[in-house]
All heavy atoms as atom14 arrays in JSON, in Angstrom:
{
  "sequence": "SYQLSKCFFTIYTCRKPTIALVHGAAIGAAIG",
  "atom14_mask": [
    [1, 1, 1, 1, 1, 1, 0, 0, 0, 0, 0, 0, 0, 0],
    [1, 1, 1, 1, 1, 1, 1, 1, 1, 1, 1, 1, 0, 0],
    [1, 1, 1, 1, 1, 1, 1, 1, 1, 0, 0, 0, 0, 0],
    [1, 1, 1, 1, 1, 1, 1, 1, 0, 0, 0, 0, 0, 0],
    [1, 1, 1, 1, 1, 1, 0, 0, 0, 0, 0, 0, 0, 0],
    [1, 1, 1, 1, 1, 1, 1, 1, 1, 0, 0, 0, 0, 0],
    [1, 1, 1, 1, 1, 1, 0, 0, 0, 0, 0, 0, 0, 0],
    [1, 1, 1, 1, 1, 1, 1, 1, 1, 1, 1, 0, 0, 0],
    [1, 1, 1, 1, 1, 1, 1, 1, 1, 1, 1, 0, 0, 0],
    [1, 1, 1, 1, 1, 1, 1, 0, 0, 0, 0, 0, 0, 0],
    [1, 1, 1, 1, 1, 1, 1, 1, 0, 0, 0, 0, 0, 0],
    [1, 1, 1, 1, 1, 1, 1, 1, 1, 1, 1, 1, 0, 0],
    [1, 1, 1, 1, 1, 1, 1, 0, 0, 0, 0, 0, 0, 0],
    [1, 1, 1, 1, 1, 1, 0, 0, 0, 0, 0, 0, 0, 0],
    [1, 1, 1, 1, 1, 1, 1, 1, 1, 1, 1, 0, 0, 0],
    [1, 1, 1, 1, 1, 1, 1, 1, 1, 0, 0, 0, 0, 0],
    [1, 1, 1, 1, 1, 1, 1, 0, 0, 0, 0, 0, 0, 0],
    [1, 1, 1, 1, 1, 1, 1, 0, 0, 0, 0, 0, 0, 0],
    [1, 1, 1, 1, 1, 1, 1, 1, 0, 0, 0, 0, 0, 0],
    [1, 1, 1, 1, 1, 0, 0, 0, 0, 0, 0, 0, 0, 0],
    [1, 1, 1, 1, 1, 1, 1, 1, 0, 0, 0, 0, 0, 0],
    [1, 1, 1, 1, 1, 1, 1, 0, 0, 0, 0, 0, 0, 0],
    [1, 1, 1, 1, 1, 1, 1, 1, 1, 1, 0, 0, 0, 0],
    [1, 1, 1, 1, 0, 0, 0, 0, 0, 0, 0, 0, 0, 0],
    [1, 1, 1, 1, 1, 0, 0, 0, 0, 0, 0, 0, 0, 0],
    [1, 1, 1, 1, 1, 0, 0, 0, 0, 0, 0, 0, 0, 0],
    [1, 1, 1, 1, 1, 1, 1, 1, 0, 0, 0, 0, 0, 0],
    [1, 1, 1, 1, 0, 0, 0, 0, 0, 0, 0, 0, 0, 0],
    [1, 1, 1, 1, 1, 0, 0, 0, 0, 0, 0, 0, 0, 0],
    [1, 1, 1, 1, 1, 0, 0, 0, 0, 0, 0, 0, 0, 0],
    [1, 1, 1, 1, 1, 1, 1, 1, 0, 0, 0, 0, 0, 0],
    [1, 1, 1, 1, 0, 0, 0, 0, 0, 0, 0, 0, 0, 0]
  ],
  "atom14_positions": [
    [[20.32, -0.03, 1.24], [19.81, 1.09, 1.95], [18.72, 1.73, 1.34], [17.74, 2.26, 1.94], [21.04, 2.08, 2.13], [22.02, 1.66, 2.87], [0.0, 0.0, 0.0], [0.0, 0.0, 0.0], [0.0, 0.0, 0.0], [0.0, 0.0, 0.0], [0.0, 0.0, 0.0], [0.0, 0.0, 0.0], [0.0, 0.0, 0.0], [0.0, 0.0, 0.0]],
    [[18.74, 1.68, -0.12], [17.73, 2.19, -0.86], [16.54, 1.44, -0.79], [15.27, 2.03, -0.61], [18.19, 2.31, -2.34], [17.09, 2.71, -3.25], [16.58, 4.13, -3.2], [16.56, 1.94, -4.29], [15.64, 4.59, -4.12], [15.67, 2.47, -5.17], [15.23, 3.75, -5.12], [14.25, 4.22, -6.02], [0.0, 0.0, 0.0], [0.0, 0.0, 0.0]],
    [[16.64, 0.23, -0.64], [15.41, -0.8, -0.53], [14.78, -0.52, 0.89], [13.52, -0.56, 0.89], [15.77, -2.21, -0.53], [16.3, -2.68, -1.98], [15.27, -2.43, -3.01], [14.04, -2.45, -2.92], [15.85, -2.26, -4.3], [0.0, 0.0, 0.0], [0.0, 0.0, 0.0], [0.0, 0.0, 0.0], [0.0, 0.0, 0.0], [0.0, 0.0, 0.0]],
    [[15.46, -0.21, 1.85], [14.91, 0.09, 3.15], [14.26, 1.37, 3.1], [13.09, 1.58, 3.61], [16.01, 0.05, 4.31], [15.6, 0.35, 5.68], [14.59, -0.57, 6.11], [16.75, 0.46, 6.64], [0.0, 0.0, 0.0], [0.0, 0.0, 0.0], [0.0, 0.0, 0.0], [0.0, 0.0, 0.0], [0.0, 0.0, 0.0], [0.0, 0.0, 0.0]],
    [[14.82, 2.36, 2.49], [14.18, 3.73, 2.38], [12.94, 3.7, 1.61], [11.98, 4.32, 1.93], [15.19, 4.69, 1.62], [16.26, 4.95, 2.44], [0.0, 0.0, 0.0], [0.0, 0.0, 0.0], [0.0, 0.0, 0.0], [0.0, 0.0, 0.0], [0.0, 0.0, 0.0], [0.0, 0.0, 0.0], [0.0, 0.0, 0.0], [0.0, 0.0, 0.0]],
    [[12.91, 2.8, 0.54], [11.68, 2.53, -0.24], [10.6, 1.97, 0.57], [9.38, 2.34, 0.51], [12.06, 1.7, -1.4], [12.54, 2.43, -2.67], [12.89, 1.54, -3.85], [11.67, 0.87, -4.37], [11.93, -0.01, -5.55], [0.0, 0.0, 0.0], [0.0, 0.0, 0.0], [0.0, 0.0, 0.0], [0.0, 0.0, 0.0], [0.0, 0.0, 0.0]],
    [[10.86, 1.0, 1.52], [10.1, 0.43, 2.37], [9.39, 1.33, 3.25], [8.12, 1.45, 3.45], [10.76, -0.74, 3.14], [9.65, -1.65, 4.29], [0.0, 0.0, 0.0], [0.0, 0.0, 0.0], [0.0, 0.0, 0.0], [0.0, 0.0, 0.0], [0.0, 0.0, 0.0], [0.0, 0.0, 0.0], [0.0, 0.0, 0.0], [0.0, 0.0, 0.0]],
    [[10.13, 2.23, 3.91], [9.5, 3.31, 4.83], [8.61, 4.21, 3.98], [7.59, 4.57, 4.47], [10.7, 4.02, 5.41], [11.51, 3.35, 6.37], [12.87, 3.65, 6.52], [11.02, 2.32, 7.15], [13.65, 2.91, 7.45], [11.8, 1.63, 8.11], [13.17, 1.95, 8.18], [0.0, 0.0, 0.0], [0.0, 0.0, 0.0], [0.0, 0.0, 0.0]],
    [[9.1, 4.53, 2.74], [8.22, 5.34, 1.94], [6.91, 4.76, 1.49], [5.82, 5.36, 1.46], [9.07, 5.89, 0.72], [8.38, 6.93, -0.14], [8.24, 8.25, 0.31], [7.82, 6.67, -1.39], [7.62, 9.14, -0.36], [7.16, 7.6, -2.11], [7.07, 8.86, -1.72], [0.0, 0.0, 0.0], [0.0, 0.0, 0.0], [0.0, 0.0, 0.0]],
    [[6.96, 3.42, 1.25], [5.65, 2.69, 0.93], [4.79, 2.66, 2.12], [3.49, 2.83, 1.82], [6.1, 1.34, 0.59], [6.98, 1.18, -0.52], [4.74, 0.47, 0.22], [0.0, 0.0, 0.0], [0.0, 0.0, 0.0], [0.0, 0.0, 0.0], [0.0, 0.0, 0.0], [0.0, 0.0, 0.0], [0.0, 0.0, 0.0], [0.0, 0.0, 0.0]],
    [[5.26, 2.48, 3.31], [4.35, 2.73, 4.48], [3.92, 4.17, 4.6], [2.61, 4.37, 4.76], [5.15, 2.26, 5.8], [5.57, 0.9, 5.68], [4.24, 2.6, 6.95], [6.59, 0.48, 6.71], [0.0, 0.0, 0.0], [0.0, 0.0, 0.0], [0.0, 0.0, 0.0], [0.0, 0.0, 0.0], [0.0, 0.0, 0.0], [0.0, 0.0, 0.0]],
    [[4.77, 5.13, 4.52], [4.37, 6.45, 4.64], [3.29, 6.96, 3.69], [2.53, 7.83, 4.0], [5.71, 7.34, 4.59], [5.54, 8.83, 4.8], [5.22, 9.35, 6.15], [5.63, 9.81, 3.81], [5.14, 10.59, 6.29], [5.55, 11.11, 4.05], [5.2, 11.59, 5.38], [5.06, 12.9, 5.62], [0.0, 0.0, 0.0], [0.0, 0.0, 0.0]],
    [[3.42, 6.41, 2.37], [2.49, 6.94, 1.36], [1.25, 6.05, 1.17], [0.48, 6.17, 0.3], [3.23, 7.02, 0.02], [3.84, 5.92, -0.29], [4.37, 8.12, 0.14], [0.0, 0.0, 0.0], [0.0, 0.0, 0.0], [0.0, 0.0, 0.0], [0.0, 0.0, 0.0], [0.0, 0.0, 0.0], [0.0, 0.0, 0.0], [0.0, 0.0, 0.0]],
    [[1.01, 4.99, 2.11], [-0.1, 4.29, 1.98], [-1.34, 5.06, 2.09], [-1.58, 5.93, 2.97], [0.02, 3.19, 3.13], [-1.48, 1.98, 3.03], [0.0, 0.0, 0.0], [0.0, 0.0, 0.0], [0.0, 0.0, 0.0], [0.0, 0.0, 0.0], [0.0, 0.0, 0.0], [0.0, 0.0, 0.0], [0.0, 0.0, 0.0], [0.0, 0.0, 0.0]],
    [[-2.29, 4.76, 1.3], [-3.58, 5.52, 1.19], [-4.62, 5.06, 2.27], [-5.59, 5.65, 2.32], [-4.14, 5.49, -0.18], [-3.24, 6.31, -1.17], [-3.8, 6.12, -2.62], [-5.03, 6.81, -2.79], [-5.28, 8.09, -3.07], [-4.19, 8.83, -3.08], [-6.46, 8.5, -3.26], [0.0, 0.0, 0.0], [0.0, 0.0, 0.0], [0.0, 0.0, 0.0]],
    [[-4.33, 4.12, 2.96], [-5.19, 3.6, 4.07], [-4.43, 4.17, 5.43], [-3.26, 4.24, 5.53], [-5.2, 2.12, 4.12], [-5.56, 1.45, 2.77], [-6.9, 1.81, 2.21], [-7.11, 1.31, 0.88], [-7.4, -0.12, 0.71], [0.0, 0.0, 0.0], [0.0, 0.0, 0.0], [0.0, 0.0, 0.0], [0.0, 0.0, 0.0], [0.0, 0.0, 0.0]],
    [[-5.35, 4.42, 6.5], [-4.66, 4.77, 7.74], [-3.81, 3.67, 8.27], [-4.09, 2.47, 8.18], [-5.87, 4.97, 8.7], [-6.89, 5.27, 7.84], [-6.76, 4.5, 6.39], [0.0, 0.0, 0.0], [0.0, 0.0, 0.0], [0.0, 0.0, 0.0], [0.0, 0.0, 0.0], [0.0, 0.0, 0.0], [0.0, 0.0, 0.0], [0.0, 0.0, 0.0]],
    [[-2.48, 3.98, 8.52], [-1.66, 2.98, 9.13], [-1.24, 3.22, 10.48], [-1.03, 4.34, 10.96], [-0.39, 3.08, 8.25], [0.22, 4.35, 8.35], [-0.48, 2.71, 6.87], [0.0, 0.0, 0.0], [0.0, 0.0, 0.0], [0.0, 0.0, 0.0], [0.0, 0.0, 0.0], [0.0, 0.0, 0.0], [0.0, 0.0, 0.0], [0.0, 0.0, 0.0]],
    [[-1.38, 2.16, 11.27], [-1.26, 2.25, 12.72], [-0.22, 1.15, 13.27], [-0.38, 0.04, 13.01], [-2.55, 1.94, 13.5], [-3.7, 2.73, 13.04], [-2.39, 2.01, 15.0], [-4.59, 2.29, 11.99], [0.0, 0.0, 0.0], [0.0, 0.0, 0.0], [0.0, 0.0, 0.0], [0.0, 0.0, 0.0], [0.0, 0.0, 0.0], [0.0, 0.0, 0.0]],
    [[0.81, 1.65, 13.88], [1.87, 0.74, 14.55], [1.38, 0.45, 16.01], [0.99, 1.38, 16.71], [3.11, 1.44, 14.48], [0.0, 0.0, 0.0], [0.0, 0.0, 0.0], [0.0, 0.0, 0.0], [0.0, 0.0, 0.0], [0.0, 0.0, 0.0], [0.0, 0.0, 0.0], [0.0, 0.0, 0.0], [0.0, 0.0, 0.0], [0.0, 0.0, 0.0]],
    [[1.42, -0.87, 16.27], [1.15, -1.3, 17.59], [2.4, -1.89, 18.11], [2.92, -2.91, 17.74], [0.03, -2.41, 17.65], [-1.28, -2.01, 16.85], [-2.24, -3.16, 16.84], [-1.83, -0.8, 17.6], [0.0, 0.0, 0.0], [0.0, 0.0, 0.0], [0.0, 0.0, 0.0], [0.0, 0.0, 0.0], [0.0, 0.0, 0.0], [0.0, 0.0, 0.0]],
    [[3.0, -1.23, 19.17], [4.4, -1.47, 19.49], [4.56, -1.88, 20.86], [3.9, -1.42, 21.86], [5.28, -0.12, 19.38], [6.75, -0.43, 19.52], [5.0, 0.47, 18.01], [0.0, 0.0, 0.0], [0.0, 0.0, 0.0], [0.0, 0.0, 0.0], [0.0, 0.0, 0.0], [0.0, 0.0, 0.0], [0.0, 0.0, 0.0], [0.0, 0.0, 0.0]],
    [[5.27, -3.04, 21.06], [5.56, -3.58, 22.37], [6.82, -4.12, 22.54], [7.52, -4.29, 21.41], [4.44, -4.79, 22.62], [4.75, -6.01, 21.87], [4.66, -6.1, 20.58], [5.25, -7.19, 22.46], [5.08, -7.53, 20.17], [5.37, -8.12, 21.35], [0.0, 0.0, 0.0], [0.0, 0.0, 0.0], [0.0, 0.0, 0.0], [0.0, 0.0, 0.0]],
    [[7.39, -4.39, 23.67], [8.57, -5.09, 23.83], [9.7, -4.2, 23.66], [10.3, -3.57, 24.55], [0.0, 0.0, 0.0], [0.0, 0.0, 0.0], [0.0, 0.0, 0.0], [0.0, 0.0, 0.0], [0.0, 0.0, 0.0], [0.0, 0.0, 0.0], [0.0, 0.0, 0.0], [0.0, 0.0, 0.0], [0.0, 0.0, 0.0], [0.0, 0.0, 0.0]],
    [[10.18, -4.05, 22.42], [11.23, -3.22, 22.07], [11.07, -2.74, 20.64], [10.7, -3.48, 19.69], [12.69, -3.88, 22.15], [0.0, 0.0, 0.0], [0.0, 0.0, 0.0], [0.0, 0.0, 0.0], [0.0, 0.0, 0.0], [0.0, 0.0, 0.0], [0.0, 0.0, 0.0], [0.0, 0.0, 0.0], [0.0, 0.0, 0.0], [0.0, 0.0, 0.0]],
    [[11.63, -1.53, 20.28], [11.71, -0.96, 18.97], [13.07, -0.27, 19.03], [13.27, 0.77, 19.56], [10.62, 0.02, 18.65], [0.0, 0.0, 0.0], [0.0, 0.0, 0.0], [0.0, 0.0, 0.0], [0.0, 0.0, 0.0], [0.0, 0.0, 0.0], [0.0, 0.0, 0.0], [0.0, 0.0, 0.0], [0.0, 0.0, 0.0], [0.0, 0.0, 0.0]],
    [[14.05, -0.97, 18.28], [15.33, -0.42, 18.47], [16.03, -0.11, 17.09], [15.72, -0.79, 16.09], [16.27, -1.55, 19.12], [15.73, -2.01, 20.51], [17.73, -1.15, 19.21], [15.74, -0.98, 21.46], [0.0, 0.0, 0.0], [0.0, 0.0, 0.0], [0.0, 0.0, 0.0], [0.0, 0.0, 0.0], [0.0, 0.0, 0.0], [0.0, 0.0, 0.0]],
    [[16.87, 0.84, 17.03], [17.55, 1.25, 15.71], [16.62, 1.59, 14.6], [15.67, 2.38, 14.71], [0.0, 0.0, 0.0], [0.0, 0.0, 0.0], [0.0, 0.0, 0.0], [0.0, 0.0, 0.0], [0.0, 0.0, 0.0], [0.0, 0.0, 0.0], [0.0, 0.0, 0.0], [0.0, 0.0, 0.0], [0.0, 0.0, 0.0], [0.0, 0.0, 0.0]],
    [[16.81, 0.95, 13.5], [16.04, 1.25, 12.28], [14.62, 0.76, 12.37], [13.76, 1.11, 11.64], [16.75, 0.69, 11.12], [0.0, 0.0, 0.0], [0.0, 0.0, 0.0], [0.0, 0.0, 0.0], [0.0, 0.0, 0.0], [0.0, 0.0, 0.0], [0.0, 0.0, 0.0], [0.0, 0.0, 0.0], [0.0, 0.0, 0.0], [0.0, 0.0, 0.0]],
    [[14.36, -0.05, 13.39], [12.97, -0.4, 13.71], [12.08, 0.83, 13.94], [10.94, 0.79, 13.64], [12.86, -1.25, 14.93], [0.0, 0.0, 0.0], [0.0, 0.0, 0.0], [0.0, 0.0, 0.0], [0.0, 0.0, 0.0], [0.0, 0.0, 0.0], [0.0, 0.0, 0.0], [0.0, 0.0, 0.0], [0.0, 0.0, 0.0], [0.0, 0.0, 0.0]],
    [[12.67, 1.92, 14.54], [12.05, 3.15, 14.78], [11.44, 3.68, 13.38], [10.32, 4.24, 13.34], [12.87, 4.1, 15.28], [13.39, 3.7, 16.65], [12.21, 5.6, 15.53], [12.55, 3.69, 17.8], [0.0, 0.0, 0.0], [0.0, 0.0, 0.0], [0.0, 0.0, 0.0], [0.0, 0.0, 0.0], [0.0, 0.0, 0.0], [0.0, 0.0, 0.0]],
    [[12.06, 3.43, 12.22], [11.42, 3.82, 10.93], [10.15, 3.36, 10.65], [9.3, 3.98, 10.1], [0.0, 0.0, 0.0], [0.0, 0.0, 0.0], [0.0, 0.0, 0.0], [0.0, 0.0, 0.0], [0.0, 0.0, 0.0], [0.0, 0.0, 0.0], [0.0, 0.0, 0.0], [0.0, 0.0, 0.0], [0.0, 0.0, 0.0], [0.0, 0.0, 0.0]]
  ]
}
């Protein structure tokens, strides 16, 4: 669980603009 939280935090704190391109489905923890 900690590794997943760290993954989200790494995305959130990226110093480059981050853009999610979403199609099909985004379910459960994929929302993170």
